[in-house]
Amino acid sequence: MTKRLNVLEEQLIDARKEYDRVLRIRDSRTLDITNLKSQIKSREDGTNYLVNLLDEFTRNFESRIHITELQKMGDELKALQNKGNNANLGTGEQLQARFDIVSMALDRLDASAGGQTFDGKATDRSGNVTEGKFVTVGPLAFFGSNDGKKFGLADLKLGSADPTLLVLPESSKPQGIIDVAQSGKGSLPIDATRGNAFKLEETKDSVIDEIKKGGPLMWPIITIGLLAVFVGLLKWMQLSAVGRPSSKRVQELLKLLDDRKYQEAENLALRTSGPIGKFMAAAAKHYTDPSEVMQETMFEKILDAKTRLNSWIPFVKIAAAVEPLFGLLGTVTGMINTFKLITVFGTQDASTFSSGIAEALITTEWGLITAIPCLLIAAFLARKARAVIDDMEKLGVRIMNHRGFHEKNINTPQPPLTPEAQQPGGLKKIVDQSEPEIPGDALPA
């Protein structure tokens, strides 16, 4: 029994040792599984991060591709995107599709740096689709038709699925685009602003186009403005033709009046053209009349000249006041049309209601453009007419003052002289007539 017990105890010890060994192996394998799960989780996180990074790159790449290049690589890019997002494929195949997009982007970068040409089609300003070749250099893309008649900068335009052809100015020598598109050699009109300068040049409208965009109210604005400028020009010529007598001629006129040569004075006055000459002639003609009659005659000439000189100036002032009102009316009608278009088409496409906004702004712009010159012209003409009236008034005051001074010298009585007033040396003695001479016999003793 003792021997049997010892054997069983030894077996128990061995079993416990084996049990401990198995426990250690189990714990070790459990730790390995935990580590493997942690590694798998880390790899999955890395894979997801890489997938997200590649997807973000794909979105950025797609947004930065020029619209002309979509005709070359658009289908291939779309196929790779669909393959990368296909859940039925393995992760490796999905990643490979995304890496193919990166490879495509690198190839595009190399091709764009040195320039590339490829076939495609573009839409001109009339909406006609033309086939030809695209030339891309960096961020710029040019288009030349196969017949060589249409060429220019190709870019995106709202509302058009195809690239739109922007006509370049002749100063940029755009004919070289055809040579590069057909033969691969030539010069291109490169713009340092990445095409923005050409786009701005394209948006500039001529005066006729701007008037058409302004709507029907542009015609009264332009008509009244042109009439006001024309009237102002004629009025300026009329006022500039008004003669101004020199100081020497005025002195000659006054001398002839003093010498009572009234007809010669009137003829001299008429040598000065315009209302000032007629004014001086009337003053010379009525110089011998009473001063009240002469003043009324000159005042009548001034009133007549004021009416003639200020004629048509009020029309220019009215035009300056009416033009902004027409512009404001155009603003109101343009906004009404804008709201109508928004009601019909909504606000998704800004081009649908841009015509109403253009009408509202252009009429206001041209109303001010025409009103400001009219206001300045009216002020200038009024000041010029007032200067002529002021010259007439000053000349009238001078003639009246000269006449009054001359009449005073003529009508002033001089004391009589007696023979005894002759003194040696040519002196004369003035006899005081205020005291009567007293006879000698009347003197007191």
Foldseek 3Di string as FASTA:
>chain_A
DVVVVVVVVVVVVVVVVVVVVVVVVVVVVVVVVVVVVVVVVVVVVVLVVVLVVLVVVLVVLVVLDFLFCCVVCVVVSVVLVCQLPDPVDDSVRNVVSSVVVVVVSVVVVVCQQVKDKDWDWEAEPVRDIATFMWIHHHLWIKTAGPVRPAIATWHDDPPDSGTYHQDADVVLVQSQVNVCRPPVDGDHSDDPVSCPVSVVVSPDDDPVVLLVLLPPLSVVLVVLLVVLVVLLVVLVVVLVLQFDDDPVLLVVLLVCVLVVVLVVSLVSLCVGDDLRSVLSNLLSVCVVPPPVVSVVSSVVSLVVLLCVLCPPLVSLVVSLVCLQVSLQVQLVQLVVQLVVQCVVPNDPDVVSSVSSVSNNPSSNVSSNVSNVVSVVSSVVSVVSSVVVSVSSVVSVVVSVVSSVVSVVVVPDDDADFDPVQQDPPRGGDGDDPPDDDDDPVPDDD
